[in-house]
C-alpha atoms as a PDB file:
ATOM      1  CA  MET A   1     -83.715  -7.324   1.352  1.00  0.00           C
ATOM      2  CA  ALA A   2     -82.104  -6.307  -1.445  1.00  0.00           C
ATOM      3  CA  PHE A   3     -83.364  -5.307  -5.006  1.00  0.00           C
ATOM      4  CA  LEU A   4     -81.534  -8.204  -7.230  1.00  0.00           C
ATOM      5  CA  GLU A   5     -80.201 -11.211  -5.119  1.00  0.00           C
ATOM      6  CA  LEU A   6     -78.152 -13.517  -6.232  1.00  0.00           C
ATOM      7  CA  LYS A   7     -77.714 -16.553  -3.694  1.00  0.00           C
ATOM      8  CA  ASN A   8     -75.114 -19.590  -3.698  1.00  0.00           C
ATOM      9  CA  VAL A   9     -75.730 -19.546  -7.626  1.00  0.00           C
ATOM     10  CA  TYR A  10     -73.367 -22.007  -9.496  1.00  0.00           C
ATOM     11  CA  LYS A  11     -73.604 -22.831 -13.223  1.00  0.00           C
ATOM     12  CA  SER A  12     -71.545 -24.987 -15.900  1.00  0.00           C
ATOM     13  CA  TYR A  13     -71.992 -26.253 -19.525  1.00  0.00           C
ATOM     14  CA  GLY A  14     -71.571 -29.461 -21.193  1.00  0.00           C
ATOM     15  CA  THR A  15     -72.103 -33.273 -20.157  1.00  0.00           C
ATOM     16  CA  GLY A  16     -70.405 -35.451 -18.510  1.00  0.00           C
ATOM     17  CA  LYS A  17     -66.413 -35.610 -18.686  1.00  0.00           C
ATOM     18  CA  GLU A  18     -66.392 -32.237 -20.805  1.00  0.00           C
ATOM     19  CA  ARG A  19     -68.602 -30.601 -18.035  1.00  0.00           C
ATOM     20  CA  VAL A  20     -67.186 -27.444 -16.708  1.00  0.00           C
ATOM     21  CA  GLU A  21     -68.451 -25.520 -14.197  1.00  0.00           C
ATOM     22  CA  VAL A  22     -68.484 -21.600 -15.198  1.00  0.00           C
ATOM     23  CA  LEU A  23     -69.505 -20.171 -11.866  1.00  0.00           C
ATOM     24  CA  SER A  24     -69.315 -21.515  -8.924  1.00  0.00           C
ATOM     25  CA  ASP A  25     -70.822 -20.032  -5.283  1.00  0.00           C
ATOM     26  CA  ILE A  26     -71.907 -16.386  -6.388  1.00  0.00           C
ATOM     27  CA  ASN A  27     -73.191 -14.322  -3.848  1.00  0.00           C
ATOM     28  CA  LEU A  28     -74.112 -10.589  -4.699  1.00  0.00           C
ATOM     29  CA  SER A  29     -76.840  -8.319  -3.532  1.00  0.00           C
ATOM     30  CA  ILE A  30     -77.732  -5.025  -5.014  1.00  0.00           C
ATOM     31  CA  GLU A  31     -79.711  -2.520  -3.902  1.00  0.00           C
ATOM     32  CA  GLU A  32     -82.067  -0.337  -5.533  1.00  0.00           C
ATOM     33  CA  GLY A  33     -80.631   2.722  -7.197  1.00  0.00           C
ATOM     34  CA  GLU A  34     -77.250   1.280  -6.604  1.00  0.00           C
ATOM     35  CA  PHE A  35     -74.896   1.064  -9.982  1.00  0.00           C
ATOM     36  CA  LEU A  36     -72.351  -1.754  -9.267  1.00  0.00           C
ATOM     37  CA  ALA A  37     -69.548  -2.641 -11.595  1.00  0.00           C
ATOM     38  CA  ILE A  38     -68.045  -6.546 -11.984  1.00  0.00           C
ATOM     39  CA  VAL A  39     -64.956  -6.313 -13.428  1.00  0.00           C
ATOM     40  CA  GLY A  40     -62.715  -9.110 -13.829  1.00  0.00           C
ATOM     41  CA  PHE A  41     -60.441 -10.712 -16.450  1.00  0.00           C
ATOM     42  CA  THR A  42     -61.578 -12.057 -20.020  1.00  0.00           C
ATOM     43  CA  GLY A  43     -63.411 -15.828 -19.944  1.00  0.00           C
ATOM     44  CA  SER A  44     -64.287 -15.732 -16.523  1.00  0.00           C
ATOM     45  CA  GLY A  45     -68.006 -15.498 -16.460  1.00  0.00           C
ATOM     46  CA  LYS A  46     -69.052 -12.255 -16.801  1.00  0.00           C
ATOM     47  CA  THR A  47     -71.281 -12.954 -19.295  1.00  0.00           C
ATOM     48  CA  THR A  48     -72.616 -15.997 -18.455  1.00  0.00           C
ATOM     49  CA  LEU A  49     -73.681 -13.646 -14.842  1.00  0.00           C
ATOM     50  CA  ILE A  50     -75.244 -11.333 -17.048  1.00  0.00           C
ATOM     51  CA  ASN A  51     -77.237 -14.139 -18.910  1.00  0.00           C
ATOM     52  CA  LEU A  52     -78.358 -15.494 -15.426  1.00  0.00           C
ATOM     53  CA  ILE A  53     -79.733 -12.213 -14.719  1.00  0.00           C
ATOM     54  CA  ASN A  54     -81.785 -11.058 -17.587  1.00  0.00           C
ATOM     55  CA  GLY A  55     -83.105 -14.293 -17.994  1.00  0.00           C
ATOM     56  CA  LEU A  56     -81.265 -15.974 -20.533  1.00  0.00           C
ATOM     57  CA  HIS A  57     -79.785 -18.573 -18.693  1.00  0.00           C
ATOM     58  CA  PHE A  58     -80.537 -20.565 -15.827  1.00  0.00           C
ATOM     59  CA  PRO A  59     -78.247 -21.679 -12.870  1.00  0.00           C
ATOM     60  CA  ASP A  60     -77.923 -25.358 -12.036  1.00  0.00           C
ATOM     61  CA  LYS A  61     -77.713 -24.586  -8.060  1.00  0.00           C
ATOM     62  CA  GLY A  62     -79.147 -21.491  -6.145  1.00  0.00           C
ATOM     63  CA  GLU A  63     -81.544 -18.845  -7.229  1.00  0.00           C
ATOM     64  CA  VAL A  64     -80.993 -15.332  -8.938  1.00  0.00           C
ATOM     65  CA  LEU A  65     -84.049 -13.075  -7.414  1.00  0.00           C
ATOM     66  CA  LEU A  66     -85.496  -9.325  -8.452  1.00  0.00           C
ATOM     67  CA  GLN A  67     -87.699  -8.037  -5.503  1.00  0.00           C
ATOM     68  CA  GLY A  68     -87.654 -11.418  -3.629  1.00  0.00           C
ATOM     69  CA  LYS A  69     -89.089 -13.328  -6.633  1.00  0.00           C
ATOM     70  CA  PRO A  70     -86.718 -15.752  -9.081  1.00  0.00           C
ATOM     71  CA  ILE A  71     -86.116 -14.731 -12.360  1.00  0.00           C
ATOM     72  CA  THR A  72     -87.862 -17.086 -14.750  1.00  0.00           C
ATOM     73  CA  GLY A  73     -87.378 -15.638 -18.213  1.00  0.00           C
ATOM     74  CA  PRO A  74     -86.352 -12.151 -19.989  1.00  0.00           C
ATOM     75  CA  GLY A  75     -88.513  -9.546 -19.639  1.00  0.00           C
ATOM     76  CA  PRO A  76     -88.910  -5.664 -20.029  1.00  0.00           C
ATOM     77  CA  ASP A  77     -88.010  -4.575 -16.114  1.00  0.00           C
ATOM     78  CA  ARG A  78     -84.311  -5.913 -17.649  1.00  0.00           C
ATOM     79  CA  GLY A  79     -83.041  -3.812 -19.837  1.00  0.00           C
ATOM     80  CA  VAL A  80     -79.921  -4.948 -21.559  1.00  0.00           C
ATOM     81  CA  VAL A  81     -76.830  -2.946 -23.248  1.00  0.00           C
ATOM     82  CA  PHE A  82     -74.710  -5.331 -25.466  1.00  0.00           C
ATOM     83  CA  GLN A  83     -71.353  -5.078 -26.538  1.00  0.00           C
ATOM     84  CA  ASN A  84     -71.720  -5.634 -30.041  1.00  0.00           C
ATOM     85  CA  TYR A  85     -74.987  -2.619 -29.831  1.00  0.00           C
ATOM     86  CA  SER A  86     -77.679  -5.266 -31.258  1.00  0.00           C
ATOM     87  CA  LEU A  87     -78.784  -3.367 -33.439  1.00  0.00           C
ATOM     88  CA  LEU A  88     -81.416  -4.133 -36.686  1.00  0.00           C
ATOM     89  CA  PRO A  89     -79.331  -2.540 -39.709  1.00  0.00           C
ATOM     90  CA  TRP A  90     -81.969  -2.412 -42.100  1.00  0.00           C
ATOM     91  CA  LEU A  91     -84.305  -0.186 -39.291  1.00  0.00           C
ATOM     92  CA  SER A  92     -83.758   3.624 -38.149  1.00  0.00           C
ATOM     93  CA  VAL A  93     -82.644   4.786 -34.977  1.00  0.00           C
ATOM     94  CA  TYR A  94     -86.308   5.767 -34.238  1.00  0.00           C
ATOM     95  CA  HIS A  95     -87.650   2.264 -35.017  1.00  0.00           C
ATOM     96  CA  ASN A  96     -84.895   0.437 -33.383  1.00  0.00           C
ATOM     97  CA  VAL A  97     -86.019   2.344 -29.994  1.00  0.00           C
ATOM     98  CA  LYS A  98     -89.534   1.436 -31.131  1.00  0.00           C
ATOM     99  CA  LEU A  99     -88.977  -2.483 -31.136  1.00  0.00           C
ATOM    100  CA  ALA A 100     -88.658  -1.926 -27.482  1.00  0.00           C
ATOM    101  CA  ILE A 101     -91.182   0.439 -26.921  1.00  0.00           C
ATOM    102  CA  ASP A 102     -93.745  -1.992 -28.521  1.00  0.00           C
ATOM    103  CA  LYS A 103     -92.647  -5.055 -26.622  1.00  0.00           C
ATOM    104  CA  ALA A 104     -92.459  -3.142 -23.328  1.00  0.00           C
ATOM    105  CA  TYR A 105     -95.630  -0.939 -23.726  1.00  0.00           C
ATOM    106  CA  PRO A 106     -97.650  -2.539 -26.235  1.00  0.00           C
ATOM    107  CA  GLN A 107    -101.412  -0.644 -25.173  1.00  0.00           C
ATOM    108  CA  ALA A 108     -99.929   2.567 -25.570  1.00  0.00           C
ATOM    109  CA  THR A 109    -101.490   5.012 -28.801  1.00  0.00           C
ATOM    110  CA  GLY A 110     -99.180   5.603 -31.983  1.00  0.00           C
ATOM    111  CA  LYS A 111     -98.495   8.727 -30.395  1.00  0.00           C
ATOM    112  CA  GLU A 112     -97.567   7.995 -26.811  1.00  0.00           C
ATOM    113  CA  LYS A 113     -95.305   5.704 -28.528  1.00  0.00           C
ATOM    114  CA  ASP A 114     -93.867   8.412 -30.764  1.00  0.00           C
ATOM    115  CA  GLU A 115     -93.429  10.782 -27.837  1.00  0.00           C
ATOM    116  CA  ARG A 116     -91.282   8.581 -25.485  1.00  0.00           C
ATOM    117  CA  ILE A 117     -89.069   7.127 -29.040  1.00  0.00           C
ATOM    118  CA  ARG A 118     -88.061  10.860 -29.269  1.00  0.00           C
ATOM    119  CA  SER A 119     -87.456  11.909 -25.885  1.00  0.00           C
ATOM    120  CA  TYR A 120     -84.932   8.751 -24.974  1.00  0.00           C
ATOM    121  CA  VAL A 121     -83.594   9.308 -28.886  1.00  0.00           C
ATOM    122  CA  GLU A 122     -83.273  13.165 -27.329  1.00  0.00           C
ATOM    123  CA  MET A 123     -81.508  11.854 -24.012  1.00  0.00           C
ATOM    124  CA  VAL A 124     -78.946  10.530 -25.971  1.00  0.00           C
ATOM    125  CA  GLY A 125     -77.971  13.102 -28.064  1.00  0.00           C
ATOM    126  CA  LEU A 126     -79.439  11.526 -31.419  1.00  0.00           C
ATOM    127  CA  SER A 127     -82.439  13.780 -32.060  1.00  0.00           C
ATOM    128  CA  HIS A 128     -80.538  14.585 -35.531  1.00  0.00           C
ATOM    129  CA  ALA A 129     -80.017  10.830 -36.852  1.00  0.00           C
ATOM    130  CA  ILE A 130     -83.306   9.538 -35.984  1.00  0.00           C
ATOM    131  CA  HIS A 131     -83.900   8.723 -38.903  1.00  0.00           C
ATOM    132  CA  LYS A 132     -80.569   7.136 -39.849  1.00  0.00           C
ATOM    133  CA  LYS A 133     -79.679   3.330 -39.805  1.00  0.00           C
ATOM    134  CA  PRO A 134     -76.712   2.209 -37.930  1.00  0.00           C
ATOM    135  CA  ALA A 135     -74.640   1.807 -41.211  1.00  0.00           C
ATOM    136  CA  GLU A 136     -74.776   5.514 -41.101  1.00  0.00           C
ATOM    137  CA  LEU A 137     -73.584   6.411 -37.781  1.00  0.00           C
ATOM    138  CA  SER A 138     -70.203   5.793 -35.265  1.00  0.00           C
ATOM    139  CA  GLY A 139     -70.094   3.363 -32.959  1.00  0.00           C
ATOM    140  CA  GLY A 140     -70.012   5.923 -29.764  1.00  0.00           C
ATOM    141  CA  MET A 141     -73.754   6.573 -31.986  1.00  0.00           C
ATOM    142  CA  ARG A 142     -74.522   3.162 -32.548  1.00  0.00           C
ATOM    143  CA  GLN A 143     -74.279   2.369 -28.948  1.00  0.00           C
ATOM    144  CA  ARG A 144     -76.097   5.211 -27.813  1.00  0.00           C
ATOM    145  CA  VAL A 145     -79.143   3.631 -29.698  1.00  0.00           C
ATOM    146  CA  SER A 146     -78.349   0.558 -27.630  1.00  0.00           C
ATOM    147  CA  VAL A 147     -78.514   2.836 -24.257  1.00  0.00           C
ATOM    148  CA  ALA A 148     -81.726   4.806 -25.544  1.00  0.00           C
ATOM    149  CA  ARG A 149     -83.333   1.619 -26.554  1.00  0.00           C
ATOM    150  CA  ALA A 150     -82.971  -0.248 -22.870  1.00  0.00           C
ATOM    151  CA  LEU A 151     -83.665   2.762 -21.089  1.00  0.00           C
ATOM    152  CA  ALA A 152     -86.564   2.813 -23.058  1.00  0.00           C
ATOM    153  CA  MET A 153     -88.388   0.147 -21.821  1.00  0.00           C
ATOM    154  CA  ASN A 154     -88.330   1.984 -18.362  1.00  0.00           C
ATOM    155  CA  PRO A 155     -86.512  -1.000 -17.143  1.00  0.00           C
ATOM    156  CA  GLU A 156     -86.500  -1.759 -13.345  1.00  0.00           C
ATOM    157  CA  VAL A 157     -82.511  -3.121 -13.666  1.00  0.00           C
ATOM    158  CA  LEU A 158     -80.240  -1.643 -16.568  1.00  0.00           C
ATOM    159  CA  LEU A 159     -77.444  -4.591 -17.380  1.00  0.00           C
ATOM    160  CA  MET A 160     -75.066  -3.508 -19.465  1.00  0.00           C
ATOM    161  CA  ASP A 161     -72.518  -5.853 -20.624  1.00  0.00           C
ATOM    162  CA  GLU A 162     -68.874  -4.385 -21.179  1.00  0.00           C
ATOM    163  CA  PRO A 163     -70.723  -1.801 -23.324  1.00  0.00           C
ATOM    164  CA  LEU A 164     -68.285   0.368 -24.310  1.00  0.00           C
ATOM    165  CA  SER A 165     -64.828  -2.076 -24.969  1.00  0.00           C
ATOM    166  CA  ALA A 166     -65.398  -1.809 -28.967  1.00  0.00           C
ATOM    167  CA  LEU A 167     -64.665   1.769 -28.638  1.00  0.00           C
ATOM    168  CA  ASP A 168     -61.720   4.252 -29.095  1.00  0.00           C
ATOM    169  CA  ALA A 169     -60.168   5.606 -25.835  1.00  0.00           C
ATOM    170  CA  LEU A 170     -62.122   9.177 -26.773  1.00  0.00           C
ATOM    171  CA  THR A 171     -65.564   7.820 -27.524  1.00  0.00           C
ATOM    172  CA  ARG A 172     -64.999   5.294 -24.001  1.00  0.00           C
ATOM    173  CA  GLY A 173     -64.654   8.568 -21.627  1.00  0.00           C
ATOM    174  CA  THR A 174     -67.267  10.178 -23.399  1.00  0.00           C
ATOM    175  CA  LEU A 175     -69.963   7.858 -23.092  1.00  0.00           C
ATOM    176  CA  GLN A 176     -68.833   6.641 -19.810  1.00  0.00           C
ATOM    177  CA  GLU A 177     -70.044  10.613 -18.646  1.00  0.00           C
ATOM    178  CA  GLU A 178     -72.997  10.237 -20.991  1.00  0.00           C
ATOM    179  CA  ILE A 179     -74.174   7.067 -19.436  1.00  0.00           C
ATOM    180  CA  VAL A 180     -73.585   8.194 -16.033  1.00  0.00           C
ATOM    181  CA  ASN A 181     -75.320  11.292 -16.496  1.00  0.00           C
ATOM    182  CA  ILE A 182     -78.519   9.669 -18.280  1.00  0.00           C
ATOM    183  CA  TRP A 183     -78.485   6.903 -15.014  1.00  0.00           C
ATOM    184  CA  SER A 184     -78.696   9.937 -12.905  1.00  0.00           C
ATOM    185  CA  LYS A 185     -81.553  11.025 -13.623  1.00  0.00           C
ATOM    186  CA  ASP A 186     -83.657   8.487 -12.560  1.00  0.00           C
ATOM    187  CA  LYS A 187     -81.142   6.257 -10.368  1.00  0.00           C
ATOM    188  CA  LYS A 188     -82.168   3.010 -12.178  1.00  0.00           C
ATOM    189  CA  THR A 189     -80.289   0.063 -10.264  1.00  0.00           C
ATOM    190  CA  CYS A 190     -77.424  -0.761 -12.343  1.00  0.00           C
ATOM    191  CA  LEU A 191     -75.346  -3.489 -13.435  1.00  0.00           C
ATOM    192  CA  LEU A 192     -72.385  -2.843 -15.549  1.00  0.00           C
ATOM    193  CA  ILE A 193     -70.023  -5.833 -16.854  1.00  0.00           C
ATOM    194  CA  THR A 194     -66.006  -4.553 -17.297  1.00  0.00           C
ATOM    195  CA  ASN A 195     -62.772  -5.525 -17.742  1.00  0.00           C
ATOM    196  CA  ASP A 196     -61.557  -1.778 -16.633  1.00  0.00           C
ATOM    197  CA  VAL A 197     -61.042  -0.930 -13.661  1.00  0.00           C
ATOM    198  CA  ASP A 198     -61.224   2.537 -14.328  1.00  0.00           C
ATOM    199  CA  GLU A 199     -64.090   2.427 -16.022  1.00  0.00           C
ATOM    200  CA  GLY A 200     -65.402   0.863 -12.883  1.00  0.00           C
ATOM    201  CA  ILE A 201     -64.298   3.790 -10.330  1.00  0.00           C
ATOM    202  CA  ILE A 202     -65.179   6.527 -12.857  1.00  0.00           C
ATOM    203  CA  MET A 203     -68.875   5.022 -12.893  1.00  0.00           C
ATOM    204  CA  ALA A 204     -69.808   2.539 -10.252  1.00  0.00           C
ATOM    205  CA  ASP A 205     -70.772   3.089  -6.404  1.00  0.00           C
ATOM    206  CA  ARG A 206     -69.279  -0.015  -5.802  1.00  0.00           C
ATOM    207  CA  ILE A 207     -67.093  -2.402  -7.597  1.00  0.00           C
ATOM    208  CA  VAL A 208     -66.774  -6.494  -7.126  1.00  0.00           C
ATOM    209  CA  PRO A 209     -63.844  -8.259  -8.843  1.00  0.00           C
ATOM    210  CA  LEU A 210     -65.117 -11.900 -10.653  1.00  0.00           C
ATOM    211  CA  THR A 211     -61.985 -14.038 -10.101  1.00  0.00           C
ATOM    212  CA  PRO A 212     -60.586 -15.866 -13.358  1.00  0.00           C
ATOM    213  CA  GLY A 213     -62.793 -19.061 -14.476  1.00  0.00           C
ATOM    214  CA  PRO A 214     -63.537 -22.477 -14.805  1.00  0.00           C
ATOM    215  CA  ASN A 215     -65.186 -21.950 -11.116  1.00  0.00           C
ATOM    216  CA  ALA A 216     -64.945 -18.447 -10.987  1.00  0.00           C
ATOM    217  CA  SER A 217     -66.464 -16.557  -7.924  1.00  0.00           C
ATOM    218  CA  LEU A 218     -66.830 -13.228  -6.245  1.00  0.00           C
ATOM    219  CA  GLY A 219     -63.808 -10.846  -4.254  1.00  0.00           C
ATOM    220  CA  PRO A 220     -64.228  -8.787  -1.870  1.00  0.00           C
ATOM    221  CA  GLU A 221     -66.419  -5.702  -2.759  1.00  0.00           C
ATOM    222  CA  PHE A 222     -64.289  -2.357  -2.828  1.00  0.00           C
ATOM    223  CA  GLN A 223     -66.261   0.964  -2.272  1.00  0.00           C
ATOM    224  CA  VAL A 224     -66.560   3.753  -4.812  1.00  0.00           C
ATOM    225  CA  ASP A 225     -66.864   7.153  -2.441  1.00  0.00           C
ATOM    226  CA  PHE A 226     -65.551   9.745  -4.621  1.00  0.00           C
ATOM    227  CA  PRO A 227     -68.189  12.244  -5.505  1.00  0.00           C
ATOM    228  CA  ARG A 228     -70.410  12.697  -8.620  1.00  0.00           C
ATOM    229  CA  PRO A 229     -69.488  13.685 -11.574  1.00  0.00           C
ATOM    230  CA  ARG A 230     -66.259  11.895 -11.860  1.00  0.00           C
ATOM    231  CA  VAL A 231     -63.542  13.018 -13.979  1.00  0.00           C
ATOM    232  CA  ILE A 232     -60.745  11.145 -14.816  1.00  0.00           C
ATOM    233  CA  THR A 233     -58.053  13.588 -15.174  1.00  0.00           C
ATOM    234  CA  GLU A 234     -59.446  15.564 -12.086  1.00  0.00           C
ATOM    235  CA  ILE A 235     -59.534  12.533 -10.020  1.00  0.00           C
ATOM    236  CA  ASN A 236     -56.108  10.645 -10.981  1.00  0.00           C
ATOM    237  CA  GLN A 237     -54.524  13.236  -9.339  1.00  0.00           C
ATOM    238  CA  ASP A 238     -55.738  11.935  -6.077  1.00  0.00           C
ATOM    239  CA  PRO A 239     -54.391   9.483  -3.597  1.00  0.00           C
ATOM    240  CA  ALA A 240     -56.973   7.904  -2.946  1.00  0.00           C
ATOM    241  CA  TYR A 241     -58.296   7.282  -6.179  1.00  0.00           C
ATOM    242  CA  LYS A 242     -54.341   5.697  -6.785  1.00  0.00           C
ATOM    243  CA  LEU A 243     -54.625   3.551  -3.283  1.00  0.00           C
ATOM    244  CA  LEU A 244     -58.070   2.364  -4.564  1.00  0.00           C
ATOM    245  CA  ARG A 245     -57.296   1.576  -7.986  1.00  0.00           C
ATOM    246  CA  ASN A 246     -53.947  -0.032  -7.297  1.00  0.00           C
ATOM    247  CA  GLU A 247     -55.862  -2.444  -4.636  1.00  0.00           C
ATOM    248  CA  ILE A 248     -58.219  -3.835  -7.018  1.00  0.00           C
ATOM    249  CA  LEU A 249     -55.655  -4.074  -9.621  1.00  0.00           C
ATOM    250  CA  GLU A 250     -53.240  -5.828  -6.847  1.00  0.00           C
ATOM    251  CA  TYR A 251     -55.954  -8.545  -6.157  1.00  0.00           C
ATOM    252  CA  LEU A 252     -56.726  -9.104  -9.613  1.00  0.00           C
ATOM    253  CA  ILE A 253     -52.954  -9.640 -10.160  1.00  0.00           C
ATOM    254  CA  GLN A 254     -52.855 -12.349  -7.485  1.00  0.00           C
ATOM    255  CA  VAL A 255     -55.631 -14.429  -8.073  1.00  0.00           C
ATOM    256  CA  GLY A 256     -54.612 -14.759 -11.490  1.00  0.00           C
ATOM    257  CA  ALA A 257     -51.678 -15.790 -10.358  1.00  0.00           C
ATOM    258  CA  ALA A 258     -52.801 -18.239  -7.996  1.00  0.00           C
ATOM    259  CA  ARG A 259     -54.913 -19.776 -10.593  1.00  0.00           C
ATOM    260  CA  LYS A 260     -52.030 -19.964 -12.802  1.00  0.00           C
ATOM    261  CA  GLN A 261     -50.643 -21.972 -10.434  1.00  0.00           C
ATOM    262  CA  GLU A 262     -53.604 -24.696  -9.373  1.00  0.00           C
ATOM    263  CA  GLN A 263     -53.948 -25.404 -13.476  1.00  0.00           C
ATOM    264  CA  LYS A 264     -52.342 -28.524 -13.265  1.00  0.00           C
ATOM    265  CA  GLN A 265     -50.385 -29.225 -16.723  1.00  0.00           C
ATOM    266  CA  VAL A 266     -52.054 -32.169 -18.864  1.00  0.00           C
ATOM    267  CA  GLU A 267     -50.278 -34.642 -20.139  1.00  0.00           C
ATOM    268  CA  TYR A 268     -51.099 -36.365 -23.074  1.00  0.00           C
ATOM    269  CA  THR A 269     -49.360 -40.455 -23.605  1.00  0.00           C
ATOM    270  CA  LEU A 270     -49.272 -40.835 -27.706  1.00  0.00           C
ATOM    271  CA  PRO A 271     -49.959 -44.147 -29.290  1.00  0.00           C
ATOM    272  CA  ASP A 272     -46.618 -46.052 -30.998  1.00  0.00           C
ATOM    273  CA  LEU A 273     -47.619 -45.569 -34.155  1.00  0.00           C
ATOM    274  CA  LYS A 274     -45.727 -46.846 -37.179  1.00  0.00           C
ATOM    275  CA  PRO A 275     -46.118 -45.167 -40.800  1.00  0.00           C
ATOM    276  CA  VAL A 276     -47.470 -48.007 -43.475  1.00  0.00           C
ATOM    277  CA  MET A 277     -46.345 -47.127 -46.784  1.00  0.00           C
ATOM    278  CA  PRO A 278     -48.180 -48.093 -49.612  1.00  0.00           C
ATOM    279  CA  GLY A 279     -48.200 -50.976 -51.803  1.00  0.00           C
ATOM    280  CA  ARG A 280     -46.260 -49.304 -54.913  1.00  0.00           C
ATOM    281  CA  LEU A 281     -43.345 -48.021 -52.560  1.00  0.00           C
ATOM    282  CA  ARG A 282     -43.342 -51.415 -50.629  1.00  0.00           C
ATOM    283  CA  TRP A 283     -42.849 -52.774 -53.724  1.00  0.00           C
ATOM    284  CA  ARG A 284     -40.054 -50.159 -55.191  1.00  0.00           C
ATOM    285  CA  LYS A 285     -38.512 -50.787 -51.768  1.00  0.00           C
ATOM    286  CA  LYS A 286     -38.418 -54.573 -51.952  1.00  0.00           C
ATOM    287  CA  ARG A 287     -36.594 -54.228 -55.533  1.00  0.00           C
ATOM    288  CA  GLU A 288     -34.112 -51.880 -54.269  1.00  0.00           C
ATOM    289  CA  ASP A 289     -33.337 -54.006 -51.069  1.00  0.00           C
ATOM    290  CA  GLU A 290     -32.694 -57.280 -53.920  1.00  0.00           C
ATOM    291  CA  LYS A 291     -30.173 -55.323 -56.238  1.00  0.00           C
ATOM    292  CA  VAL A 292     -28.265 -54.236 -52.877  1.00  0.00           C
ATOM    293  CA  LYS A 293     -28.210 -58.025 -52.102  1.00  0.00           C
ATOM    294  CA  TYR A 294     -27.759 -58.949 -55.669  1.00  0.00           C
ATOM    295  CA  PHE A 295     -24.366 -56.727 -55.908  1.00  0.00           C
END
């Protein structure tokens, strides 16, 4: 039995004729301690997939199972790192992380909570900024706070919804390494949602593409067998890296092109409308016509 499973999952939004099926026949198994990356196009339903796992949404058909039990709502057993950080701007780094600690460990003493907060802030390298507020932090530092907050709950699964997409290339590369280093310490089951193939190769054990929406489904899996730690400047010289990268990109390009061909152009029939002149203009035109007729 897999640690996390999605079985024959379908998800749609809207009602009646406007109902759109976002995800179709999703089947996915993730083993305990595995780092899996879902790679797909913008608008393909990647965030919907994350929300089904974190319990914010529920499938129309199928089931989402964690350790064999259906997911019935959000819980501290699933930590989420969001794309937009989702930090409370009026709270310091310390107190943003404390929110998660209070939720996950309501019975812990103040000293126990304090030790846990400080240990995870130190883990992401922000001890020097522990009392600063989000406005005083860079984008990379804010995302590290988000990672610390998610890990502080000691979740069974860490879900990351394009957590680095808003960062510059240098900060993004640094945080990729940091997140993998943090993950490697206790090997939490991890699911990364991204639209960057290179990011998936650098961070994950396995990559599964998500086809373009609507009716998005999962494609074939690609194993990432490069030893850790992985440094992009080193492995991009490896022919095996280039082969894997090209295979994933070619698959995404092919399914993207096929989906465009499937989409039919919708023709709209416009009503035969004629402009109606206001009364004053009709009167003026009538006078002008009479003058022409008279002369």
